[in-house]
Amino acid sequence: MAAETSAGRTVKVLFVDDEFIEFRSLKKKIGSLSEPAVDVQYAQSIGDALEKIKVARYDLILLDNRLLPNADFRETVPELRGIGYTGPIGVISTDISDGYFQQFPDYGVDFRIGKDEMDARTLQYIIREYVTYDVPDFWKDDYTI
């Protein structure tokens, strides 16, 4: 699921949440993140996100679990996948304890995370895990032709 990216490239993240204050909060939390460089864009609805994805490439989507008029990620993520987005999608929510969150892989979700857990260090980990996975140097000999 992880795509290899070149060192030093800006990672483009689409944050989809119907509450703009959540976007502002995320931007403030990750303001101290210097590596990798992250460009976070905002979409207020799934329709807005679909339009943005059609015209720009995103390395990662962070999607609020509940977006009106959709019920939850079980409706919104298939819409994102349906237009051809193949990158990682993380569902964020105030409460990720509901039983239906256990079904997230069935809907094309790569990971889930609580909004209270999201900070610069967590986003950096998510990017390393899902976007910029690098093969350790001692493995590279195995892949050199």
Protein backbone atom coordinates (compact mmCIF):
# COMPACT_ATOMS: atom_id res chain seq x y z
CA MET A 1 0.00 0.00 0.00
CA ALA A 2 2.92 2.32 0.57
CA ALA A 3 4.29 4.21 -2.36
CA GLU A 4 7.98 5.02 -2.50
CA THR A 5 8.70 8.72 -2.80
CA SER A 6 11.90 10.61 -3.42
CA ALA A 7 13.68 12.19 -0.48
CA GLY A 8 12.89 15.84 0.08
CA ARG A 9 9.58 15.81 -1.79
CA THR A 10 6.58 17.51 -0.22
CA VAL A 11 3.88 15.09 0.89
CA LYS A 12 0.41 16.24 -0.15
CA VAL A 13 -2.33 15.42 2.34
CA LEU A 14 -6.05 15.99 1.84
CA PHE A 15 -7.89 16.52 5.13
CA VAL A 16 -11.64 15.95 4.77
CA ASP A 17 -13.80 17.15 7.66
CA ASP A 18 -17.02 19.14 7.80
CA GLU A 19 -15.62 21.18 10.73
CA PHE A 20 -13.07 23.76 9.54
CA ILE A 21 -11.84 24.16 13.12
CA GLU A 22 -10.56 20.56 12.96
CA PHE A 23 -8.45 21.49 9.93
CA ARG A 24 -7.07 24.54 11.75
CA SER A 25 -6.28 22.37 14.75
CA LEU A 26 -4.42 19.83 12.61
CA LYS A 27 -2.45 22.57 10.84
CA LYS A 28 -1.42 24.00 14.21
CA LYS A 29 -0.43 20.58 15.58
CA ILE A 30 1.77 19.75 12.61
CA GLY A 31 3.23 23.22 12.27
CA SER A 32 6.44 22.02 13.93
CA LEU A 33 6.87 19.15 11.49
CA SER A 34 9.92 19.85 9.35
CA GLU A 35 10.65 16.42 7.88
CA PRO A 36 9.01 15.49 5.68
CA ALA A 37 7.57 18.70 4.28
CA VAL A 38 3.77 18.38 4.38
CA ASP A 39 1.21 20.36 2.37
CA VAL A 40 -2.22 19.85 3.94
CA GLN A 41 -5.23 20.81 1.83
CA TYR A 42 -8.81 21.01 3.12
CA ALA A 43 -12.10 19.65 1.82
CA GLN A 44 -15.31 20.30 3.73
CA SER A 45 -17.38 17.50 2.18
CA ILE A 46 -16.96 14.27 0.30
CA GLY A 47 -18.14 16.07 -2.85
CA ASP A 48 -15.46 18.71 -2.39
CA ALA A 49 -12.86 15.97 -1.82
CA LEU A 50 -13.91 14.14 -4.99
CA GLU A 51 -13.49 17.33 -7.03
CA LYS A 52 -10.04 18.02 -5.54
CA ILE A 53 -8.87 14.46 -6.22
CA LYS A 54 -9.92 14.75 -9.86
CA VAL A 55 -7.59 17.73 -10.42
CA ALA A 56 -4.68 17.09 -8.05
CA ARG A 57 -2.61 14.18 -6.77
CA TYR A 58 -2.65 13.45 -3.03
CA ASP A 59 -0.28 11.11 -1.21
CA LEU A 60 -2.62 10.59 1.74
CA ILE A 61 -6.23 11.28 2.67
CA LEU A 62 -7.30 11.85 6.27
CA LEU A 63 -11.08 11.47 6.34
CA ASP A 64 -13.46 12.34 9.16
CA ASN A 65 -15.63 9.35 9.95
CA ARG A 66 -18.92 11.22 9.75
CA LEU A 67 -19.61 13.64 6.90
CA LEU A 68 -23.10 14.84 6.11
CA PRO A 69 -25.11 13.67 4.21
CA ASN A 70 -23.17 10.37 4.32
CA ALA A 71 -23.42 8.20 7.39
CA ASP A 72 -19.77 7.22 7.91
CA PHE A 73 -16.64 5.85 6.22
CA ARG A 74 -18.58 2.85 4.93
CA GLU A 75 -20.21 5.22 2.42
CA THR A 76 -17.50 7.84 1.85
CA VAL A 77 -14.42 5.67 1.33
CA PRO A 78 -16.01 3.61 -1.48
CA GLU A 79 -16.77 6.93 -3.23
CA LEU A 80 -13.09 7.91 -3.04
CA ARG A 81 -11.96 4.50 -4.25
CA GLY A 82 -14.66 4.54 -6.93
CA ILE A 83 -13.08 7.50 -8.73
CA GLY A 84 -9.71 5.75 -8.79
CA TYR A 85 -7.89 7.02 -5.69
CA THR A 86 -5.47 4.23 -4.74
CA GLY A 87 -3.35 5.97 -2.09
CA PRO A 88 -3.68 5.46 1.65
CA ILE A 89 -6.84 6.59 3.42
CA GLY A 90 -7.00 7.04 7.17
CA VAL A 91 -10.30 7.50 8.97
CA ILE A 92 -10.16 9.88 11.90
CA SER A 93 -12.85 10.15 14.53
CA THR A 94 -13.50 11.41 18.02
CA ASP A 95 -14.44 7.85 18.99
CA ILE A 96 -13.02 4.81 17.18
CA SER A 97 -14.32 2.24 19.66
CA ASP A 98 -17.57 1.36 17.86
CA GLY A 99 -17.64 -2.21 16.57
CA TYR A 100 -18.09 -1.23 12.94
CA PHE A 101 -14.55 0.23 12.94
CA GLN A 102 -13.33 -3.36 12.91
CA GLN A 103 -14.65 -3.59 9.33
CA PHE A 104 -12.46 -0.75 8.04
CA PRO A 105 -10.26 -2.91 5.75
CA ASP A 106 -13.39 -4.19 3.98
CA TYR A 107 -14.13 -0.64 2.79
CA GLY A 108 -10.68 0.32 1.51
CA VAL A 109 -9.47 2.07 4.66
CA ASP A 110 -5.80 1.67 5.49
CA PHE A 111 -5.92 2.78 9.13
CA ARG A 112 -8.09 4.47 11.73
CA ILE A 113 -7.04 6.93 14.41
CA GLY A 114 -8.65 9.04 17.12
CA LYS A 115 -8.63 12.80 16.63
CA ASP A 116 -7.04 13.18 20.05
CA GLU A 117 -4.10 11.03 18.90
CA MET A 118 -3.27 13.16 15.86
CA ASP A 119 -0.18 15.31 16.31
CA ALA A 120 3.07 16.03 14.41
CA ARG A 121 4.80 12.85 15.58
CA THR A 122 1.81 10.68 14.69
CA LEU A 123 1.46 12.24 11.23
CA GLN A 124 5.17 11.76 10.65
CA TYR A 125 4.82 8.07 11.57
CA ILE A 126 1.78 7.67 9.30
CA ILE A 127 3.64 9.24 6.38
CA ARG A 128 6.66 7.00 6.92
CA GLU A 129 4.47 3.92 7.24
CA TYR A 130 2.00 4.52 4.40
CA VAL A 131 3.55 7.05 2.01
CA THR A 132 7.35 7.13 2.10
CA TYR A 133 8.38 3.67 3.20
CA ASP A 134 12.12 3.35 2.65
CA VAL A 135 13.90 0.03 2.38
CA PRO A 136 16.67 -0.09 5.00
CA ASP A 137 20.18 0.31 3.53
CA PHE A 138 21.26 -3.21 4.49
CA TRP A 139 18.36 -4.63 2.42
CA LYS A 140 19.22 -2.62 -0.69
CA ASP A 141 21.92 -5.09 -1.79
CA ASP A 142 19.16 -7.69 -2.16
CA TYR A 143 17.33 -5.43 -4.61
CA THR A 144 20.29 -4.19 -6.63
CA ILE A 145 20.63 -5.82 -10.02
